[in-house]
């Protein structure tokens, strides 16, 4: 499994807070689960994501960001990307119609992300973590 030392989890939380410009709607424990279990320590845009049996790598270059701005910074609406990918995503979805354009232009990517977010929704709802 991906091991996230306390400092790495705090760093991810602090990066999310800085990106949002406010305290996130998730706590540090939820951030750890998102990075470790939902995104497996990989950018959602990774060309060849690692198998779902676990990972062991640094997440120092990764950032959580809001997937769909209409839904806010809730636990089942955060995506893990590299800093550059997160910046591009935030810029894209901030434009009027940006999220709809993403859905239209990258349906396979959107489908994969939304499957992972559905897992987060289910896992957190039923208290698996």
N, C-alpha and C. Protein backbone atom coordinates (compact mmCIF):
# COMPACT_ATOMS: atom_id res chain seq x y z
N UNK A 1 0.83 -1.19 0.00
CA UNK A 1 0.00 0.00 0.00
C UNK A 1 0.87 1.25 0.00
N UNK A 2 0.32 2.31 -0.47
CA UNK A 2 0.99 3.58 -0.46
C UNK A 2 1.11 4.05 0.97
N UNK A 3 2.32 4.33 1.40
CA UNK A 3 2.53 4.82 2.75
C UNK A 3 2.65 6.33 2.69
N UNK A 4 1.79 7.01 3.40
CA UNK A 4 1.83 8.46 3.46
C UNK A 4 2.20 8.88 4.87
N UNK A 5 3.45 9.27 5.07
CA UNK A 5 3.82 9.76 6.39
C UNK A 5 2.96 10.98 6.74
N UNK A 6 2.81 11.25 8.02
CA UNK A 6 2.00 12.37 8.47
C UNK A 6 2.30 13.67 7.76
N UNK A 7 3.58 13.94 7.52
CA UNK A 7 3.96 15.19 6.85
C UNK A 7 3.43 15.22 5.42
N UNK A 8 3.46 14.10 4.71
CA UNK A 8 2.93 14.06 3.34
C UNK A 8 1.44 14.33 3.31
N UNK A 9 0.72 13.78 4.27
CA UNK A 9 -0.72 14.00 4.34
C UNK A 9 -1.00 15.47 4.64
N UNK A 10 -0.27 16.03 5.58
CA UNK A 10 -0.44 17.45 5.90
C UNK A 10 -0.11 18.33 4.71
N UNK A 11 0.93 17.96 3.96
CA UNK A 11 1.30 18.71 2.77
C UNK A 11 0.18 18.68 1.75
N UNK A 12 -0.41 17.51 1.52
CA UNK A 12 -1.53 17.40 0.58
C UNK A 12 -2.70 18.26 1.05
N UNK A 13 -3.00 18.21 2.32
CA UNK A 13 -4.09 19.02 2.88
C UNK A 13 -3.81 20.51 2.69
N UNK A 14 -2.58 20.92 3.01
CA UNK A 14 -2.20 22.33 2.89
C UNK A 14 -2.22 22.80 1.44
N UNK A 15 -1.82 21.94 0.52
CA UNK A 15 -1.88 22.30 -0.90
C UNK A 15 -3.32 22.50 -1.35
N UNK A 16 -4.21 21.64 -0.88
CA UNK A 16 -5.62 21.78 -1.23
C UNK A 16 -6.17 23.09 -0.65
N UNK A 17 -5.83 23.38 0.58
CA UNK A 17 -6.27 24.62 1.21
C UNK A 17 -5.77 25.84 0.43
N UNK A 18 -4.51 25.81 0.01
CA UNK A 18 -3.95 26.92 -0.76
C UNK A 18 -4.64 27.05 -2.12
N UNK A 19 -4.91 25.94 -2.76
CA UNK A 19 -5.57 25.94 -4.07
C UNK A 19 -6.98 26.51 -3.95
N UNK A 20 -7.68 26.16 -2.88
CA UNK A 20 -9.05 26.62 -2.68
C UNK A 20 -9.13 28.05 -2.14
N UNK A 21 -8.07 28.46 -1.45
CA UNK A 21 -8.09 29.78 -0.82
C UNK A 21 -8.94 29.81 0.43
N UNK A 22 -9.21 28.62 0.98
CA UNK A 22 -10.00 28.50 2.20
C UNK A 22 -9.77 27.12 2.79
N UNK A 23 -10.27 26.93 4.00
CA UNK A 23 -10.17 25.61 4.62
C UNK A 23 -11.02 24.62 3.82
N UNK A 24 -10.45 23.47 3.47
CA UNK A 24 -11.20 22.50 2.67
C UNK A 24 -12.39 21.90 3.42
N UNK A 25 -13.34 21.38 2.66
CA UNK A 25 -14.48 20.70 3.23
C UNK A 25 -14.20 19.26 3.59
N UNK A 26 -12.93 18.90 3.65
CA UNK A 26 -12.50 17.56 4.05
C UNK A 26 -11.45 17.70 5.14
N UNK A 27 -11.24 16.63 5.89
CA UNK A 27 -10.20 16.69 6.92
C UNK A 27 -8.97 15.92 6.47
N UNK A 28 -7.94 15.96 7.28
CA UNK A 28 -6.66 15.34 6.93
C UNK A 28 -6.82 13.83 6.72
N UNK A 29 -7.61 13.17 7.54
CA UNK A 29 -7.81 11.72 7.38
C UNK A 29 -8.48 11.41 6.05
N UNK A 30 -9.44 12.22 5.64
CA UNK A 30 -10.11 12.01 4.35
C UNK A 30 -9.14 12.24 3.19
N UNK A 31 -8.27 13.23 3.33
CA UNK A 31 -7.25 13.49 2.31
C UNK A 31 -6.36 12.27 2.16
N UNK A 32 -5.96 11.67 3.27
CA UNK A 32 -5.10 10.49 3.19
C UNK A 32 -5.80 9.36 2.44
N UNK A 33 -7.06 9.12 2.76
CA UNK A 33 -7.80 8.04 2.09
C UNK A 33 -7.95 8.34 0.60
N UNK A 34 -8.25 9.58 0.26
CA UNK A 34 -8.38 9.94 -1.16
C UNK A 34 -7.09 9.66 -1.92
N UNK A 35 -5.99 10.12 -1.37
CA UNK A 35 -4.70 9.95 -2.06
C UNK A 35 -4.29 8.48 -2.10
N UNK A 36 -4.44 7.80 -0.98
CA UNK A 36 -3.95 6.42 -0.86
C UNK A 36 -4.89 5.41 -1.51
N UNK A 37 -6.17 5.48 -1.20
CA UNK A 37 -7.10 4.43 -1.62
C UNK A 37 -7.83 4.74 -2.93
N UNK A 38 -8.30 5.95 -3.08
CA UNK A 38 -9.10 6.28 -4.25
C UNK A 38 -8.21 6.52 -5.47
N UNK A 39 -7.18 7.34 -5.31
CA UNK A 39 -6.31 7.67 -6.46
C UNK A 39 -5.03 6.86 -6.50
N UNK A 40 -4.77 6.04 -5.49
CA UNK A 40 -3.62 5.13 -5.46
C UNK A 40 -2.29 5.84 -5.68
N UNK A 41 -2.21 7.08 -5.25
CA UNK A 41 -0.96 7.81 -5.34
C UNK A 41 -0.56 8.18 -6.76
N UNK A 42 -1.50 8.15 -7.68
CA UNK A 42 -1.24 8.46 -9.09
C UNK A 42 -2.10 9.61 -9.56
N UNK A 43 -1.57 10.37 -10.48
CA UNK A 43 -2.38 11.37 -11.15
C UNK A 43 -3.50 10.66 -11.90
N UNK A 44 -4.68 11.24 -11.88
CA UNK A 44 -5.79 10.68 -12.64
C UNK A 44 -5.48 10.67 -14.13
N UNK A 45 -4.53 11.48 -14.55
CA UNK A 45 -4.16 11.54 -15.96
C UNK A 45 -2.93 10.69 -16.28
N UNK A 46 -2.53 9.84 -15.35
CA UNK A 46 -1.39 8.96 -15.59
C UNK A 46 -1.68 8.08 -16.80
N UNK A 47 -0.72 7.99 -17.69
CA UNK A 47 -0.91 7.22 -18.92
C UNK A 47 -1.15 5.75 -18.59
N UNK A 48 -0.36 5.20 -17.71
CA UNK A 48 -0.52 3.81 -17.32
C UNK A 48 -0.60 3.74 -15.81
N UNK A 49 -1.80 3.92 -15.27
CA UNK A 49 -1.94 3.87 -13.81
C UNK A 49 -1.50 2.52 -13.27
N UNK A 50 -1.02 2.54 -12.07
CA UNK A 50 -0.57 1.30 -11.43
C UNK A 50 -1.75 0.39 -11.14
N UNK A 51 -1.50 -0.90 -10.99
CA UNK A 51 -2.58 -1.83 -10.64
C UNK A 51 -3.23 -1.41 -9.32
N UNK A 52 -4.45 -1.82 -9.12
CA UNK A 52 -5.19 -1.43 -7.93
C UNK A 52 -4.82 -2.26 -6.70
N UNK A 53 -3.68 -2.93 -6.72
CA UNK A 53 -3.27 -3.73 -5.58
C UNK A 53 -2.42 -2.94 -4.61
N UNK A 54 -2.15 -1.69 -4.89
CA UNK A 54 -1.37 -0.86 -4.00
C UNK A 54 -0.20 -0.22 -4.73
N UNK A 55 0.34 0.81 -4.12
CA UNK A 55 1.46 1.51 -4.71
C UNK A 55 2.41 1.92 -3.61
N UNK A 56 3.61 2.25 -4.01
CA UNK A 56 4.57 2.77 -3.05
C UNK A 56 5.47 3.76 -3.77
N UNK A 57 5.07 5.00 -3.78
CA UNK A 57 5.85 6.04 -4.41
C UNK A 57 5.56 7.36 -3.73
N UNK A 58 6.38 8.33 -4.03
CA UNK A 58 6.17 9.66 -3.48
C UNK A 58 5.00 10.34 -4.18
N UNK A 59 4.26 11.09 -3.42
CA UNK A 59 3.17 11.87 -3.99
C UNK A 59 3.50 13.36 -3.93
N UNK A 60 4.79 13.65 -3.81
CA UNK A 60 5.24 15.02 -3.65
C UNK A 60 4.89 15.95 -4.80
N UNK A 61 4.70 15.41 -5.98
CA UNK A 61 4.39 16.25 -7.14
C UNK A 61 2.89 16.33 -7.42
N UNK A 62 2.08 15.74 -6.56
CA UNK A 62 0.65 15.66 -6.82
C UNK A 62 -0.15 16.61 -5.94
N UNK A 63 -1.33 17.00 -6.46
CA UNK A 63 -2.21 17.94 -5.77
C UNK A 63 -3.65 17.50 -5.93
N UNK A 64 -4.41 17.59 -4.86
CA UNK A 64 -5.85 17.40 -4.97
C UNK A 64 -6.48 18.70 -5.44
N UNK A 65 -7.49 18.59 -6.27
CA UNK A 65 -8.25 19.76 -6.70
C UNK A 65 -9.69 19.36 -6.92
N UNK A 66 -10.56 20.34 -7.02
CA UNK A 66 -11.98 20.09 -7.21
C UNK A 66 -12.24 19.63 -8.64
N UNK A 67 -12.98 18.54 -8.78
CA UNK A 67 -13.33 18.00 -10.09
C UNK A 67 -14.40 18.86 -10.77
N UNK A 68 -15.56 18.95 -10.18
CA UNK A 68 -16.68 19.73 -10.74
C UNK A 68 -16.96 20.90 -9.80
N UNK A 69 -16.66 22.12 -10.23
CA UNK A 69 -16.83 23.27 -9.34
C UNK A 69 -18.27 23.44 -8.82
N UNK A 70 -19.24 22.94 -9.54
CA UNK A 70 -20.64 23.07 -9.11
C UNK A 70 -20.90 22.26 -7.84
N UNK A 71 -20.06 21.25 -7.57
CA UNK A 71 -20.27 20.37 -6.42
C UNK A 71 -19.44 20.75 -5.20
N UNK A 72 -18.44 21.60 -5.38
CA UNK A 72 -17.63 22.06 -4.26
C UNK A 72 -16.54 21.10 -3.83
N UNK A 73 -15.92 21.44 -2.70
CA UNK A 73 -14.76 20.70 -2.21
C UNK A 73 -15.17 19.64 -1.19
N UNK A 74 -15.99 18.71 -1.65
CA UNK A 74 -16.43 17.60 -0.82
C UNK A 74 -15.61 16.36 -1.15
N UNK A 75 -15.66 15.39 -0.27
CA UNK A 75 -14.77 14.23 -0.35
C UNK A 75 -14.93 13.43 -1.65
N UNK A 76 -16.11 13.44 -2.23
CA UNK A 76 -16.30 12.67 -3.46
C UNK A 76 -16.28 13.55 -4.71
N UNK A 77 -15.54 14.67 -4.61
CA UNK A 77 -15.41 15.58 -5.75
C UNK A 77 -13.99 16.14 -5.84
N UNK A 78 -13.02 15.37 -5.35
CA UNK A 78 -11.63 15.80 -5.39
C UNK A 78 -10.82 14.81 -6.23
N UNK A 79 -10.00 15.36 -7.11
CA UNK A 79 -9.21 14.56 -8.03
C UNK A 79 -7.74 14.84 -7.78
N UNK A 80 -6.91 13.82 -7.94
CA UNK A 80 -5.47 13.94 -7.74
C UNK A 80 -4.78 14.09 -9.09
N UNK A 81 -4.02 15.16 -9.23
CA UNK A 81 -3.32 15.47 -10.48
C UNK A 81 -1.94 16.04 -10.16
N UNK A 82 -1.06 16.09 -11.16
CA UNK A 82 0.19 16.82 -10.96
C UNK A 82 -0.17 18.30 -10.81
N UNK A 83 0.76 19.09 -10.34
CA UNK A 83 0.48 20.52 -10.16
C UNK A 83 0.08 21.17 -11.48
N UNK A 84 0.79 20.84 -12.55
CA UNK A 84 0.49 21.43 -13.86
C UNK A 84 -0.88 20.99 -14.36
N UNK A 85 -1.19 19.71 -14.18
CA UNK A 85 -2.50 19.20 -14.59
C UNK A 85 -3.62 19.83 -13.78
N UNK A 86 -3.38 19.99 -12.47
CA UNK A 86 -4.39 20.60 -11.60
C UNK A 86 -4.62 22.05 -12.00
N UNK A 87 -3.54 22.78 -12.28
CA UNK A 87 -3.69 24.17 -12.71
C UNK A 87 -4.50 24.24 -14.01
N UNK A 88 -4.18 23.38 -14.97
CA UNK A 88 -4.90 23.37 -16.25
C UNK A 88 -6.36 22.98 -16.05
N UNK A 89 -6.61 21.99 -15.19
CA UNK A 89 -7.98 21.57 -14.92
C UNK A 89 -8.78 22.71 -14.29
N UNK A 90 -8.19 23.36 -13.28
CA UNK A 90 -8.88 24.45 -12.60
C UNK A 90 -9.21 25.58 -13.57
N UNK A 91 -8.27 25.89 -14.43
CA UNK A 91 -8.48 26.95 -15.43
C UNK A 91 -9.59 26.56 -16.40
N UNK A 92 -9.58 25.31 -16.85
CA UNK A 92 -10.58 24.82 -17.80
C UNK A 92 -11.98 24.89 -17.20
N UNK A 93 -12.16 24.34 -16.01
CA UNK A 93 -13.50 24.25 -15.44
C UNK A 93 -14.00 25.56 -14.87
N UNK A 94 -13.11 26.54 -14.70
CA UNK A 94 -13.52 27.86 -14.21
C UNK A 94 -14.19 28.68 -15.32
N UNK A 95 -13.90 28.36 -16.56
CA UNK A 95 -14.51 29.08 -17.68
C UNK A 95 -15.98 28.70 -17.80
N UNK A 96 -16.82 29.63 -18.24
CA UNK A 96 -18.23 29.27 -18.48
C UNK A 96 -18.32 28.10 -19.46
N UNK A 97 -19.03 27.08 -19.08
CA UNK A 97 -19.17 25.89 -19.92
C UNK A 97 -17.94 25.00 -19.94
N UNK A 98 -16.96 25.29 -19.11
CA UNK A 98 -15.70 24.54 -19.11
C UNK A 98 -15.86 23.09 -18.73
N UNK A 99 -16.67 22.82 -17.71
CA UNK A 99 -16.84 21.43 -17.30
C UNK A 99 -17.61 20.65 -18.36
N UNK A 100 -18.59 21.29 -18.99
CA UNK A 100 -19.32 20.64 -20.08
C UNK A 100 -18.39 20.36 -21.26
N UNK A 101 -17.47 21.26 -21.52
CA UNK A 101 -16.49 21.05 -22.60
C UNK A 101 -15.59 19.87 -22.27
N UNK A 102 -15.18 19.75 -21.03
CA UNK A 102 -14.36 18.61 -20.61
C UNK A 102 -15.12 17.31 -20.84
N UNK A 103 -16.38 17.27 -20.45
CA UNK A 103 -17.21 16.08 -20.68
C UNK A 103 -17.30 15.73 -22.16
N UNK A 104 -17.46 16.73 -22.98
CA UNK A 104 -17.61 16.52 -24.42
C UNK A 104 -16.28 16.09 -25.06
N UNK A 105 -15.19 16.73 -24.66
CA UNK A 105 -13.90 16.51 -25.32
C UNK A 105 -13.15 15.28 -24.82
N UNK A 106 -13.40 14.86 -23.58
CA UNK A 106 -12.66 13.73 -23.00
C UNK A 106 -13.60 12.77 -22.28
N UNK A 107 -14.54 12.17 -22.99
CA UNK A 107 -15.54 11.33 -22.33
C UNK A 107 -14.95 10.12 -21.60
N UNK A 108 -13.90 9.52 -22.12
CA UNK A 108 -13.31 8.36 -21.45
C UNK A 108 -12.65 8.76 -20.14
N UNK A 109 -11.94 9.86 -20.17
CA UNK A 109 -11.30 10.37 -18.95
C UNK A 109 -12.37 10.72 -17.91
N UNK A 110 -13.39 11.44 -18.33
CA UNK A 110 -14.47 11.83 -17.41
C UNK A 110 -15.13 10.59 -16.82
N UNK A 111 -15.38 9.59 -17.63
CA UNK A 111 -16.01 8.36 -17.15
C UNK A 111 -15.15 7.68 -16.09
N UNK A 112 -13.83 7.59 -16.34
CA UNK A 112 -12.94 6.96 -15.37
C UNK A 112 -12.93 7.73 -14.06
N UNK A 113 -12.82 9.05 -14.14
CA UNK A 113 -12.80 9.86 -12.92
C UNK A 113 -14.10 9.69 -12.16
N UNK A 114 -15.19 9.74 -12.85
CA UNK A 114 -16.48 9.65 -12.16
C UNK A 114 -16.72 8.27 -11.55
N UNK A 115 -16.13 7.23 -12.13
CA UNK A 115 -16.21 5.91 -11.50
C UNK A 115 -15.43 5.91 -10.18
N UNK A 116 -14.26 6.52 -10.19
CA UNK A 116 -13.47 6.59 -8.95
C UNK A 116 -14.19 7.44 -7.90
N UNK A 117 -14.78 8.54 -8.33
CA UNK A 117 -15.49 9.40 -7.38
C UNK A 117 -16.72 8.70 -6.83
N UNK A 118 -17.36 7.87 -7.64
CA UNK A 118 -18.50 7.08 -7.15
C UNK A 118 -18.03 6.11 -6.08
N UNK A 119 -16.84 5.56 -6.24
CA UNK A 119 -16.28 4.68 -5.22
C UNK A 119 -16.04 5.46 -3.93
N UNK A 120 -15.49 6.67 -4.07
CA UNK A 120 -15.26 7.49 -2.88
C UNK A 120 -16.58 7.78 -2.18
N UNK A 121 -17.59 8.13 -2.95
CA UNK A 121 -18.91 8.42 -2.40
C UNK A 121 -19.44 7.21 -1.62
N UNK A 122 -19.34 6.05 -2.23
CA UNK A 122 -19.83 4.82 -1.60
C UNK A 122 -19.01 4.49 -0.35
N UNK A 123 -17.69 4.53 -0.47
CA UNK A 123 -16.82 4.16 0.65
C UNK A 123 -17.00 5.09 1.84
N UNK A 124 -17.06 6.38 1.59
CA UNK A 124 -17.22 7.31 2.70
C UNK A 124 -18.63 7.26 3.29
N UNK A 125 -19.61 7.05 2.45
CA UNK A 125 -21.01 6.99 2.92
C UNK A 125 -21.20 5.83 3.89
N UNK A 126 -20.62 4.68 3.55
CA UNK A 126 -20.82 3.50 4.37
C UNK A 126 -19.74 3.32 5.44
N UNK A 127 -18.87 4.30 5.56
CA UNK A 127 -17.90 4.31 6.65
C UNK A 127 -16.83 3.24 6.58
N UNK A 128 -16.41 2.89 5.36
CA UNK A 128 -15.34 1.91 5.25
C UNK A 128 -14.03 2.44 5.77
N UNK A 129 -13.92 3.76 5.86
CA UNK A 129 -12.65 4.34 6.31
C UNK A 129 -12.83 5.09 7.59
